[in-house]
Structure formats: C-alpha cells, structure tokens
C-alpha atoms as a PDB file:
ATOM      1  CA  MET A   1       0.000   0.000   0.000  1.00  0.00           C
ATOM      2  CA  ARG A   2       2.838   2.397   0.920  1.00  0.00           C
ATOM      3  CA  PHE A   3       4.570   1.611  -2.398  1.00  0.00           C
ATOM      4  CA  ASN A   4       1.377   2.458  -4.353  1.00  0.00           C
ATOM      5  CA  HIS A   5       1.080   5.783  -2.478  1.00  0.00           C
ATOM      6  CA  LEU A   6       4.683   6.711  -3.333  1.00  0.00           C
ATOM      7  CA  LEU A   7       4.168   5.791  -7.005  1.00  0.00           C
ATOM      8  CA  LEU A   8       1.003   7.917  -7.212  1.00  0.00           C
ATOM      9  CA  THR A   9       2.816  10.872  -5.574  1.00  0.00           C
ATOM     10  CA  LEU A  10       5.660  10.610  -8.127  1.00  0.00           C
ATOM     11  CA  ILE A  11       3.233  10.599 -11.094  1.00  0.00           C
ATOM     12  CA  VAL A  12       1.386  13.699  -9.754  1.00  0.00           C
ATOM     13  CA  SER A  13       4.710  15.515  -9.233  1.00  0.00           C
ATOM     14  CA  LEU A  14       5.819  14.820 -12.796  1.00  0.00           C
ATOM     15  CA  PHE A  15       2.464  16.041 -14.169  1.00  0.00           C
ATOM     16  CA  VAL A  16       2.635  19.320 -12.180  1.00  0.00           C
ATOM     17  CA  THR A  17       6.263  19.946 -13.218  1.00  0.00           C
ATOM     18  CA  ASN A  18       5.480  19.431 -16.930  1.00  0.00           C
ATOM     19  CA  ASN A  19       2.441  21.709 -16.672  1.00  0.00           C
ATOM     20  CA  LEU A  20       4.519  24.443 -14.966  1.00  0.00           C
ATOM     21  CA  ASN A  21       7.238  24.230 -17.643  1.00  0.00           C
ATOM     22  CA  ALA A  22       4.648  24.581 -20.402  1.00  0.00           C
ATOM     23  CA  GLN A  23       3.211  27.694 -18.707  1.00  0.00           C
ATOM     24  CA  ILE A  24       6.704  29.225 -18.337  1.00  0.00           C
ATOM     25  CA  LYS A  25       7.351  28.698 -22.080  1.00  0.00           C
ATOM     26  CA  VAL A  26       4.137  30.542 -22.933  1.00  0.00           C
ATOM     27  CA  MET A  27       4.973  33.425 -20.549  1.00  0.00           C
ATOM     28  CA  ALA A  28       8.418  33.729 -22.167  1.00  0.00           C
ATOM     29  CA  ALA A  29       6.947  34.091 -25.659  1.00  0.00           C
ATOM     30  CA  PRO A  30       6.665  37.532 -27.295  1.00  0.00           C
ATOM     31  CA  GLY A  31       3.566  39.574 -26.516  1.00  0.00           C
ATOM     32  CA  ASN A  32       1.735  38.776 -29.739  1.00  0.00           C
ATOM     33  CA  MET A  33       2.489  35.080 -29.278  1.00  0.00           C
ATOM     34  CA  LYS A  34       1.070  35.110 -25.737  1.00  0.00           C
ATOM     35  CA  MET A  35      -2.310  36.090 -27.094  1.00  0.00           C
ATOM     36  CA  ALA A  36      -2.144  33.426 -29.794  1.00  0.00           C
ATOM     37  CA  ALA A  37      -0.981  30.858 -27.255  1.00  0.00           C
ATOM     38  CA  SER A  38      -3.769  31.733 -24.823  1.00  0.00           C
ATOM     39  CA  ASN A  39      -6.260  30.739 -27.492  1.00  0.00           C
ATOM     40  CA  VAL A  40      -4.460  27.457 -28.062  1.00  0.00           C
ATOM     41  CA  PHE A  41      -4.110  26.657 -24.327  1.00  0.00           C
ATOM     42  CA  PRO A  42      -7.659  26.898 -22.890  1.00  0.00           C
ATOM     43  CA  LYS A  43      -7.826  26.525 -19.122  1.00  0.00           C
ATOM     44  CA  SER A  44      -9.027  22.977 -19.108  1.00  0.00           C
ATOM     45  CA  ASN A  45      -7.598  19.770 -17.699  1.00  0.00           C
ATOM     46  CA  ASN A  46      -8.991  17.870 -20.678  1.00  0.00           C
ATOM     47  CA  VAL A  47      -6.281  19.077 -23.118  1.00  0.00           C
ATOM     48  CA  PRO A  48      -3.171  16.859 -23.146  1.00  0.00           C
ATOM     49  CA  ILE A  49      -0.076  18.950 -22.473  1.00  0.00           C
ATOM     50  CA  ALA A  50       2.059  17.200 -25.079  1.00  0.00           C
ATOM     51  CA  ASP A  51      -0.496  17.908 -27.836  1.00  0.00           C
ATOM     52  CA  SER A  52      -0.824  21.568 -26.797  1.00  0.00           C
ATOM     53  CA  THR A  53       2.944  22.023 -26.870  1.00  0.00           C
ATOM     54  CA  ASN A  54       3.102  20.544 -30.378  1.00  0.00           C
ATOM     55  CA  ILE A  55       0.395  22.953 -31.585  1.00  0.00           C
ATOM     56  CA  TYR A  56       2.265  25.876 -30.033  1.00  0.00           C
ATOM     57  CA  ASN A  57       5.527  24.873 -31.696  1.00  0.00           C
ATOM     58  CA  GLU A  58       3.802  24.486 -35.072  1.00  0.00           C
ATOM     59  CA  MET A  59       2.379  27.995 -34.790  1.00  0.00           C
ATOM     60  CA  LEU A  60       5.713  29.439 -33.724  1.00  0.00           C
ATOM     61  CA  ASN A  61       7.549  27.883 -36.676  1.00  0.00           C
ATOM     62  CA  ASP A  62       4.861  28.452 -39.320  1.00  0.00           C
ATOM     63  CA  GLU A  63       6.427  31.032 -41.667  1.00  0.00           C
ATOM     64  CA  THR A  64       3.259  31.190 -43.815  1.00  0.00           C
ATOM     65  CA  ASP A  65       1.133  32.629 -41.014  1.00  0.00           C
ATOM     66  CA  ASP A  66       1.097  36.357 -41.813  1.00  0.00           C
ATOM     67  CA  LEU A  67      -0.680  37.171 -38.574  1.00  0.00           C
ATOM     68  CA  MET A  68       2.478  36.181 -36.703  1.00  0.00           C
ATOM     69  CA  GLU A  69       4.534  38.839 -38.541  1.00  0.00           C
ATOM     70  CA  ASN A  70       4.746  42.554 -37.871  1.00  0.00           C
ATOM     71  CA  HIS A  71       4.008  43.892 -41.345  1.00  0.00           C
ATOM     72  CA  PRO A  72       3.900  47.677 -41.820  1.00  0.00           C
ATOM     73  CA  ALA A  73       0.428  49.174 -42.242  1.00  0.00           C
ATOM     74  CA  GLY A  74      -1.135  45.725 -41.868  1.00  0.00           C
ATOM     75  CA  ASP A  75      -4.500  47.265 -40.965  1.00  0.00           C
ATOM     76  CA  ILE A  76      -4.545  49.267 -44.220  1.00  0.00           C
ATOM     77  CA  TYR A  77      -3.541  46.291 -46.365  1.00  0.00           C
ATOM     78  CA  GLY A  78      -5.743  43.734 -44.629  1.00  0.00           C
ATOM     79  CA  ASP A  79      -2.672  41.754 -43.488  1.00  0.00           C
ATOM     80  CA  ILE A  80      -1.903  40.820 -47.113  1.00  0.00           C
ATOM     81  CA  TRP A  81       1.825  40.242 -47.406  1.00  0.00           C
ATOM     82  CA  THR A  82       3.213  38.500 -50.474  1.00  0.00           C
ATOM     83  CA  SER A  83       6.382  38.701 -52.544  1.00  0.00           C
ATOM     84  CA  ASP A  84       4.731  37.258 -55.666  1.00  0.00           C
ATOM     85  CA  ARG A  85       2.912  40.289 -57.122  1.00  0.00           C
ATOM     86  CA  LEU A  86       3.389  44.038 -57.166  1.00  0.00           C
ATOM     87  CA  ASN A  87      -0.319  44.678 -56.680  1.00  0.00           C
ATOM     88  CA  PRO A  88      -2.106  41.748 -55.021  1.00  0.00           C
ATOM     89  CA  TYR A  89      -4.716  44.057 -53.428  1.00  0.00           C
ATOM     90  CA  ARG A  90      -6.911  45.014 -56.421  1.00  0.00           C
ATOM     91  CA  VAL A  91      -8.488  47.898 -54.507  1.00  0.00           C
ATOM     92  CA  PRO A  92     -10.347  50.293 -56.849  1.00  0.00           C
ATOM     93  CA  ILE A  93      -9.963  54.048 -56.418  1.00  0.00           C
ATOM     94  CA  SER A  94     -13.668  54.305 -55.609  1.00  0.00           C
ATOM     95  CA  SER A  95     -13.080  52.243 -52.454  1.00  0.00           C
ATOM     96  CA  LEU A  96     -10.384  54.568 -51.090  1.00  0.00           C
ATOM     97  CA  PRO A  97     -11.157  57.304 -48.536  1.00  0.00           C
ATOM     98  CA  ASP A  98     -11.602  60.771 -50.017  1.00  0.00           C
ATOM     99  CA  SER A  99      -8.372  61.829 -48.311  1.00  0.00           C
ATOM    100  CA  ILE A 100      -5.466  60.004 -46.667  1.00  0.00           C
ATOM    101  CA  VAL A 101      -2.822  61.685 -44.492  1.00  0.00           C
ATOM    102  CA  ILE A 102       0.686  60.299 -45.088  1.00  0.00           C
ATOM    103  CA  ASP A 103       3.535  60.859 -42.633  1.00  0.00           C
ATOM    104  CA  CYS A 104       6.473  62.037 -44.768  1.00  0.00           C
ATOM    105  CA  SER A 105       8.582  63.425 -41.918  1.00  0.00           C
ATOM    106  CA  ASP A 106      11.371  60.853 -42.415  1.00  0.00           C
ATOM    107  CA  PHE A 107      11.559  61.158 -46.231  1.00  0.00           C
ATOM    108  CA  VAL A 108      14.933  60.635 -47.922  1.00  0.00           C
ATOM    109  CA  MET A 109      15.565  60.962 -51.675  1.00  0.00           C
ATOM    110  CA  PRO A 110      16.124  57.483 -53.176  1.00  0.00           C
ATOM    111  CA  VAL A 111      19.276  58.719 -54.968  1.00  0.00           C
ATOM    112  CA  SER A 112      21.552  61.648 -54.172  1.00  0.00           C
ATOM    113  CA  VAL A 113      22.410  62.484 -57.808  1.00  0.00           C
ATOM    114  CA  GLY A 114      20.718  62.383 -61.201  1.00  0.00           C
ATOM    115  CA  ARG A 115      18.112  64.246 -63.231  1.00  0.00           C
ATOM    116  CA  ILE A 116      14.509  63.446 -64.162  1.00  0.00           C
ATOM    117  CA  SER A 117      14.584  61.918 -67.638  1.00  0.00           C
ATOM    118  CA  SER A 118      10.961  60.753 -67.887  1.00  0.00           C
ATOM    119  CA  LYS A 119       7.881  61.905 -65.993  1.00  0.00           C
ATOM    120  CA  PHE A 120       4.784  60.118 -64.725  1.00  0.00           C
ATOM    121  CA  GLY A 121       2.005  59.764 -67.291  1.00  0.00           C
ATOM    122  CA  PRO A 122       1.099  58.405 -70.746  1.00  0.00           C
ATOM    123  CA  ARG A 123       3.995  57.261 -72.897  1.00  0.00           C
ATOM    124  CA  ARG A 124       3.059  56.405 -76.486  1.00  0.00           C
ATOM    125  CA  TYR A 125       0.626  53.487 -76.202  1.00  0.00           C
ATOM    126  CA  ARG A 126       1.371  52.577 -72.580  1.00  0.00           C
ATOM    127  CA  TYR A 127       1.385  54.338 -69.221  1.00  0.00           C
ATOM    128  CA  HIS A 128       4.480  55.257 -67.238  1.00  0.00           C
ATOM    129  CA  TYR A 129       3.629  54.726 -63.565  1.00  0.00           C
ATOM    130  CA  GLY A 130       6.723  56.307 -62.078  1.00  0.00           C
ATOM    131  CA  ILE A 131       9.499  58.835 -62.527  1.00  0.00           C
ATOM    132  CA  ASP A 132      12.821  58.000 -64.168  1.00  0.00           C
ATOM    133  CA  ILE A 133      15.972  59.517 -62.700  1.00  0.00           C
ATOM    134  CA  ALA A 134      18.967  59.266 -65.046  1.00  0.00           C
ATOM    135  CA  LEU A 135      22.263  58.559 -63.313  1.00  0.00           C
ATOM    136  CA  PRO A 136      25.295  56.296 -63.845  1.00  0.00           C
ATOM    137  CA  SER A 137      25.158  52.645 -62.816  1.00  0.00           C
ATOM    138  CA  GLY A 138      26.546  51.753 -59.414  1.00  0.00           C
ATOM    139  CA  ASN A 139      25.109  54.668 -57.416  1.00  0.00           C
ATOM    140  CA  LYS A 140      23.550  53.867 -54.058  1.00  0.00           C
ATOM    141  CA  VAL A 141      19.732  53.589 -54.000  1.00  0.00           C
ATOM    142  CA  VAL A 142      18.089  53.991 -50.580  1.00  0.00           C
ATOM    143  CA  SER A 143      14.649  53.535 -49.058  1.00  0.00           C
ATOM    144  CA  SER A 144      12.625  56.756 -49.117  1.00  0.00           C
ATOM    145  CA  PHE A 145      10.776  55.945 -45.881  1.00  0.00           C
ATOM    146  CA  SER A 146      11.120  53.430 -43.066  1.00  0.00           C
ATOM    147  CA  GLY A 147       9.459  50.071 -43.644  1.00  0.00           C
ATOM    148  CA  LYS A 148       9.973  46.471 -44.696  1.00  0.00           C
ATOM    149  CA  VAL A 149      11.152  44.890 -47.960  1.00  0.00           C
ATOM    150  CA  ARG A 150       8.197  43.068 -49.537  1.00  0.00           C
ATOM    151  CA  ILE A 151       9.539  42.111 -52.985  1.00  0.00           C
ATOM    152  CA  ILE A 152      12.948  41.412 -54.502  1.00  0.00           C
ATOM    153  CA  ASP A 153      12.608  40.170 -58.072  1.00  0.00           C
ATOM    154  CA  TYR A 154      13.936  40.231 -61.624  1.00  0.00           C
ATOM    155  CA  GLU A 155      11.750  41.030 -64.628  1.00  0.00           C
ATOM    156  CA  PRO A 156      13.789  40.874 -67.865  1.00  0.00           C
ATOM    157  CA  GLY A 157      11.127  42.517 -70.052  1.00  0.00           C
ATOM    158  CA  GLY A 158      10.221  45.271 -67.603  1.00  0.00           C
ATOM    159  CA  TYR A 159      11.569  46.378 -64.229  1.00  0.00           C
ATOM    160  CA  GLY A 160      14.790  44.365 -64.437  1.00  0.00           C
ATOM    161  CA  LYS A 161      16.139  43.887 -60.914  1.00  0.00           C
ATOM    162  CA  TYR A 162      13.760  45.670 -58.573  1.00  0.00           C
ATOM    163  CA  VAL A 163      12.772  46.104 -54.940  1.00  0.00           C
ATOM    164  CA  VAL A 164       9.403  46.971 -53.380  1.00  0.00           C
ATOM    165  CA  VAL A 165       9.232  48.353 -49.842  1.00  0.00           C
ATOM    166  CA  ARG A 166       6.061  48.603 -47.727  1.00  0.00           C
ATOM    167  CA  HIS A 167       6.369  51.625 -45.449  1.00  0.00           C
ATOM    168  CA  ASP A 168       5.079  52.340 -41.967  1.00  0.00           C
ATOM    169  CA  ASN A 169       3.176  55.365 -43.313  1.00  0.00           C
ATOM    170  CA  GLY A 170       1.029  53.189 -45.619  1.00  0.00           C
ATOM    171  CA  LEU A 171       2.833  53.839 -48.903  1.00  0.00           C
ATOM    172  CA  GLU A 172       4.755  51.339 -51.015  1.00  0.00           C
ATOM    173  CA  THR A 173       7.689  52.387 -53.212  1.00  0.00           C
ATOM    174  CA  VAL A 174       9.266  50.644 -56.203  1.00  0.00           C
ATOM    175  CA  TYR A 175      12.973  50.860 -57.173  1.00  0.00           C
ATOM    176  CA  ALA A 176      13.643  49.358 -60.621  1.00  0.00           C
ATOM    177  CA  HIS A 177      16.415  48.671 -63.205  1.00  0.00           C
ATOM    178  CA  LEU A 178      18.944  48.069 -60.407  1.00  0.00           C
ATOM    179  CA  SER A 179      22.347  46.617 -61.197  1.00  0.00           C
ATOM    180  CA  ALA A 180      22.499  44.946 -57.774  1.00  0.00           C
ATOM    181  CA  VAL A 181      20.232  44.377 -54.775  1.00  0.00           C
ATOM    182  CA  THR A 182      21.905  44.742 -51.381  1.00  0.00           C
ATOM    183  CA  CYS A 183      18.913  44.251 -49.064  1.00  0.00           C
ATOM    184  CA  LYS A 184      17.104  41.064 -48.077  1.00  0.00           C
ATOM    185  CA  LEU A 185      13.496  39.959 -48.381  1.00  0.00           C
ATOM    186  CA  ASP A 186      11.404  40.817 -45.287  1.00  0.00           C
ATOM    187  CA  GLN A 187      14.209  43.028 -43.968  1.00  0.00           C
ATOM    188  CA  ARG A 188      13.258  46.026 -41.838  1.00  0.00           C
ATOM    189  CA  VAL A 189      14.842  49.173 -43.290  1.00  0.00           C
ATOM    190  CA  LYS A 190      15.074  52.755 -42.120  1.00  0.00           C
ATOM    191  CA  ALA A 191      14.611  55.800 -44.318  1.00  0.00           C
ATOM    192  CA  GLY A 192      17.927  56.339 -46.109  1.00  0.00           C
ATOM    193  CA  GLN A 193      19.081  52.721 -45.738  1.00  0.00           C
ATOM    194  CA  GLU A 194      20.633  51.147 -48.837  1.00  0.00           C
ATOM    195  CA  LEU A 195      18.496  48.823 -50.965  1.00  0.00           C
ATOM    196  CA  GLY A 196      20.716  48.374 -54.020  1.00  0.00           C
ATOM    197  CA  LEU A 197      22.714  50.046 -56.778  1.00  0.00           C
ATOM    198  CA  SER A 198      21.417  51.927 -59.817  1.00  0.00           C
ATOM    199  CA  GLY A 199      21.684  50.168 -63.151  1.00  0.00           C
ATOM    200  CA  ASN A 200      20.299  49.428 -66.608  1.00  0.00           C
ATOM    201  CA  THR A 201      18.611  46.023 -66.236  1.00  0.00           C
ATOM    202  CA  GLY A 202      15.311  44.986 -67.803  1.00  0.00           C
ATOM    203  CA  ARG A 203      13.486  47.134 -70.350  1.00  0.00           C
ATOM    204  CA  SER A 204      15.723  50.167 -70.192  1.00  0.00           C
ATOM    205  CA  THR A 205      17.351  52.467 -72.768  1.00  0.00           C
ATOM    206  CA  GLY A 206      20.089  53.690 -70.437  1.00  0.00           C
ATOM    207  CA  PRO A 207      21.164  53.640 -66.791  1.00  0.00           C
ATOM    208  CA  HIS A 208      18.487  55.152 -64.570  1.00  0.00           C
ATOM    209  CA  LEU A 209      16.291  54.548 -61.535  1.00  0.00           C
ATOM    210  CA  HIS A 210      12.596  53.987 -62.152  1.00  0.00           C
ATOM    211  CA  PHE A 211      10.867  55.137 -58.943  1.00  0.00           C
ATOM    212  CA  GLU A 212       7.190  54.629 -58.066  1.00  0.00           C
ATOM    213  CA  THR A 213       4.943  55.616 -55.169  1.00  0.00           C
ATOM    214  CA  ARG A 214       1.812  53.535 -54.535  1.00  0.00           C
ATOM    215  CA  TYR A 215      -1.033  53.406 -52.033  1.00  0.00           C
ATOM    216  CA  VAL A 216      -2.766  50.011 -51.646  1.00  0.00           C
ATOM    217  CA  GLY A 217      -1.436  49.058 -55.081  1.00  0.00           C
ATOM    218  CA  ASN A 218      -2.554  52.244 -56.844  1.00  0.00           C
ATOM    219  CA  ALA A 219       0.285  54.257 -58.364  1.00  0.00           C
ATOM    220  CA  PHE A 220       0.298  58.044 -58.181  1.00  0.00           C
ATOM    221  CA  ASN A 221       2.720  60.700 -59.407  1.00  0.00           C
ATOM    222  CA  PRO A 222       5.733  60.869 -57.035  1.00  0.00           C
ATOM    223  CA  ALA A 223       6.157  64.537 -58.042  1.00  0.00           C
ATOM    224  CA  THR A 224       2.886  65.410 -56.258  1.00  0.00           C
ATOM    225  CA  ILE A 225       4.349  64.383 -52.915  1.00  0.00           C
ATOM    226  CA  ILE A 226       8.091  64.994 -53.507  1.00  0.00           C
ATOM    227  CA  ASN A 227       9.858  68.139 -54.689  1.00  0.00           C
ATOM    228  CA  PHE A 228      12.557  66.587 -56.864  1.00  0.00           C
ATOM    229  CA  ASP A 229      14.344  69.924 -57.298  1.00  0.00           C
ATOM    230  CA  SER A 230      14.891  70.546 -53.590  1.00  0.00           C
ATOM    231  CA  LYS A 231      14.853  66.792 -52.782  1.00  0.00           C
ATOM    232  CA  VAL A 232      12.345  67.066 -49.926  1.00  0.00           C
ATOM    233  CA  ALA A 233       8.724  66.076 -49.350  1.00  0.00           C
ATOM    234  CA  TYR A 234       6.223  68.898 -49.780  1.00  0.00           C
ATOM    235  CA  ALA A 235       4.884  68.407 -46.244  1.00  0.00           C
ATOM    236  CA  ASP A 236       5.649  66.343 -43.166  1.00  0.00           C
ATOM    237  CA  ASN A 237       1.999  65.295 -43.205  1.00  0.00           C
ATOM    238  CA  TYR A 238       0.889  65.095 -46.825  1.00  0.00           C
ATOM    239  CA  THR A 239      -2.768  64.554 -47.743  1.00  0.00           C
ATOM    240  CA  LEU A 240      -3.508  62.255 -50.681  1.00  0.00           C
ATOM    241  CA  THR A 241      -6.892  62.822 -52.329  1.00  0.00           C
ATOM    242  CA  LYS A 242      -8.811  60.879 -54.954  1.00  0.00           C
ATOM    243  CA  ARG A 243      -9.100  63.883 -57.251  1.00  0.00           C
ATOM    244  CA  LYS A 244      -5.550  65.220 -57.012  1.00  0.00           C
ATOM    245  CA  ASN A 245      -3.532  62.016 -56.806  1.00  0.00           C
ATOM    246  CA  PHE A 246      -5.690  59.351 -58.449  1.00  0.00           C
ATOM    247  CA  GLY A 247      -7.919  61.355 -60.795  1.00  0.00           C
ATOM    248  CA  TYR A 248      -5.682  60.420 -63.728  1.00  0.00           C
ATOM    249  CA  GLN A 249      -7.106  56.895 -63.637  1.00  0.00           C
ATOM    250  CA  GLN A 250     -10.569  58.197 -64.529  1.00  0.00           C
ATOM    251  CA  VAL A 251      -9.088  60.261 -67.374  1.00  0.00           C
ATOM    252  CA  LYS A 252      -7.078  57.245 -68.488  1.00  0.00           C
ATOM    253  CA  ALA A 253     -10.192  55.046 -68.484  1.00  0.00           C
ATOM    254  CA  LYS A 254     -12.154  57.551 -70.596  1.00  0.00           C
ATOM    255  CA  THR A 255      -9.239  58.001 -72.988  1.00  0.00           C
ATOM    256  CA  SER A 256      -8.815  54.258 -73.446  1.00  0.00           C
ATOM    257  CA  GLN A 257     -12.516  53.928 -74.287  1.00  0.00           C
ATOM    258  CA  LEU A 258     -12.249  56.625 -76.971  1.00  0.00           C
ATOM    259  CA  ALA A 259      -8.850  55.580 -78.277  1.00  0.00           C
ATOM    260  CA  LYS A 260      -8.475  53.624 -81.502  1.00  0.00           C
ATOM    261  CA  TYR A 261      -5.384  51.721 -82.617  1.00  0.00           C
ATOM    262  CA  TYR A 262      -3.979  50.422 -85.890  1.00  0.00           C
ATOM    263  CA  ARG A 263      -1.550  47.538 -86.473  1.00  0.00           C
ATOM    264  CA  VAL A 264       1.083  48.550 -89.050  1.00  0.00           C
ATOM    265  CA  ARG A 265       1.173  46.322 -92.118  1.00  0.00           C
ATOM    266  CA  LYS A 266       4.084  45.543 -94.416  1.00  0.00           C
ATOM    267  CA  GLY A 267       4.623  48.440 -96.847  1.00  0.00           C
ATOM    268  CA  ASP A 268       2.732  50.975 -94.687  1.00  0.00           C
ATOM    269  CA  ASN A 269       3.941  54.504 -94.037  1.00  0.00           C
ATOM    270  CA  LEU A 270       2.427  57.325 -91.964  1.00  0.00           C
ATOM    271  CA  SER A 271       0.905  59.065 -94.992  1.00  0.00           C
ATOM    272  CA  ARG A 272      -0.885  55.904 -96.106  1.00  0.00           C
ATOM    273  CA  ILE A 273      -2.098  55.100 -92.588  1.00  0.00           C
ATOM    274  CA  ALA A 274      -3.344  58.682 -92.099  1.00  0.00           C
ATOM    275  CA  ALA A 275      -5.273  58.697 -95.382  1.00  0.00           C
ATOM    276  CA  ARG A 276      -6.776  55.271 -94.664  1.00  0.00           C
ATOM    277  CA  ASN A 277      -8.017  56.331 -91.225  1.00  0.00           C
ATOM    278  CA  GLY A 278      -9.133  59.893 -91.865  1.00  0.00           C
ATOM    279  CA  THR A 279      -6.405  61.669 -89.908  1.00  0.00           C
ATOM    280  CA  THR A 280      -3.130  63.488 -90.555  1.00  0.00           C
ATOM    281  CA  VAL A 281       0.536  62.568 -90.270  1.00  0.00           C
ATOM    282  CA  SER A 282       1.118  65.307 -87.680  1.00  0.00           C
ATOM    283  CA  LYS A 283      -1.681  63.922 -85.472  1.00  0.00           C
ATOM    284  CA  LEU A 284      -0.264  60.419 -85.744  1.00  0.00           C
ATOM    285  CA  ARG A 285       3.155  61.670 -84.684  1.00  0.00           C
ATOM    286  CA  SER A 286       1.671  63.614 -81.782  1.00  0.00           C
ATOM    287  CA  LEU A 287      -0.451  60.696 -80.505  1.00  0.00           C
ATOM    288  CA  ASN A 288       2.451  58.239 -80.688  1.00  0.00           C
ATOM    289  CA  GLY A 289       5.371  60.463 -79.706  1.00  0.00           C
ATOM    290  CA  LEU A 290       7.022  60.067 -83.086  1.00  0.00           C
ATOM    291  CA  LYS A 291       9.622  62.456 -84.478  1.00  0.00           C
ATOM    292  CA  SER A 292      10.008  63.359 -88.146  1.00  0.00           C
ATOM    293  CA  SER A 293      13.001  61.019 -88.253  1.00  0.00           C
ATOM    294  CA  SER A 294      11.152  58.127 -86.592  1.00  0.00           C
ATOM    295  CA  THR A 295      10.463  54.985 -88.593  1.00  0.00           C
ATOM    296  CA  ILE A 296       7.616  52.512 -88.194  1.00  0.00           C
ATOM    297  CA  ARG A 297       7.769  48.761 -88.632  1.00  0.00           C
ATOM    298  CA  ALA A 298       5.311  46.020 -89.529  1.00  0.00           C
ATOM    299  CA  GLY A 299       3.420  44.761 -86.498  1.00  0.00           C
ATOM    300  CA  GLN A 300       3.836  48.012 -84.601  1.00  0.00           C
ATOM    301  CA  ARG A 301       0.731  49.303 -82.798  1.00  0.00           C
ATOM    302  CA  LEU A 302      -0.115  52.940 -83.518  1.00  0.00           C
ATOM    303  CA  ARG A 303      -2.814  55.031 -81.905  1.00  0.00           C
ATOM    304  CA  ILE A 304      -4.859  56.756 -84.624  1.00  0.00           C
ATOM    305  CA  ARG A 305      -7.479  58.458 -82.403  1.00  0.00           C
END
C-alpha cells in the first residue's frame, strides 16, 4: 500500500512539473504570441499537455502565417503580405477614402544624384507609372521611408532587378532597373538605408532609376508628394486625395474607351495610314510620340485616335 502511495505521488509531481514548464514557455513568448498561445491553451484539464505544446511549436515555426509577422500598415492592407505580385490588393480608387494623411517626416531621396529623364504619365501606347531619374550605374539607391522589404525580383522585359518596400506610413515604393540588390526579403529598413545600386537592367534604354509611389497598389505621381528639385517632401503630413492624386485613372479610363489603334502592315507609311483612317501625319506623330526622323515597322501598334 505504501509503495502504491509513493508511485502515485511521483506521477502527480511529474504532471505538475510538466504543466509548470509549459506555462513558463508561454509566458516567455513575445507579446503577440502570448495572445495566440492563450487561445491554443484553454484553461481545461482535458487538453493533453504534449499535444498543446506541439500545436504551439507548429504555430511558432509556421512562416506562412502572416498574422504572426509585424508587417507595416497591416491594418490598411488587410494583413496581405506576399512577394509574388506588385499589386495583389486590387483595390479600386472608388473604395479609397476621399483623403489620406501620409507621414512624410522621415523622407529621404532614393538617390543623391541624377536628373529626371521621364515623368509620370502616358507614354506612347502605354502608361508610365513612375518617374525616371537618369544617373550612372553603381550609385547607391536607398529607401525613401522606413518600412519592410516586400519584394525582390527580376523582370527581364520590364523592371529588371527591382525592390518593393512597404512603409510604416502606408505607402509602397518601387525601385527598378537596379544593377544589384543589397537588401534582403522581409528586412526592416530605415529611411535612407541602402536597398541596391542603380543600373540598366530589364526594359531600359540607359542607366536610370525607375521610382514609383503607390497606395494600396494604386500608383500616383511621385512629383505630387516629392519636390525633386529641392529633394524634400512637400509636407511632413501630406494629404492624398482621390481627385488630385488618383484622378488620372478616370481620365485614363475615358481616354482608353475613346482611343483607336492600328496595327502597321508591311509596306505601310504614316501618310498611307493617315489617309486610310481619316487623320493626318502630324496627329499620328503627336499621338504616338514620333519624331520626323522616326520609322515605323510592320506589327507596330499605332494610336490613330
């Protein structure tokens, strides 16, 4: 009888010790993990401790669980965090607030040298969603605001080597045509911290930095928020509005509905195309950004209206 009592006492002691160790592990977890763990460890004696510990460890080591990560502006972006697509949000302009205040107090120019070689807006038969800054390859490119690196990728027919950073103020910025990337995916960066080096990769006609500013996936003109001459933000607290910053999308939509295009055939020239479509050579050149010395080729797409 005495032996049975001692054996029972030993079993109870082991059970209490294991339970105490499990509680200590939960208390030692980071604050956001404590909350998650409290949901996994209900105060019930019916849950086996070994199973609960396994569940906790699985949650702790699950890198796909975005809720476990501290992503910038997660409330604005609905905790969507992916490195696969530039714009996974698909949020229409109509769904945005009429005005959004952006904290620009820590702004730093992405490059310290260079000149604007191409502005934001329509470019021939496609749209240019950023600003190009011409400068030699190998110059340091830095993050314009504090945040976290969301994308590092290579697009041979477009951006080349590029980086996307999600910022604490709710913006995302794009840095494209880099010759080298010096940051890491999911890395926290401060405003002014190096991301890579300027270059000429991808669809590029010369060394430059293609720089974009976006809000929930929607691009807007960086020159409306940044004074590129003085290299500062226009205000520490800048207000984005639908009309001022995103109104171009409505104009673009109307223009695309009215626009008409022509596929150049073998033997065509501007005079023949103009006569066939009831327009003039000068209008064709204006619509397509063509100079008097420009040549057209078969298969080329020209806007005729």
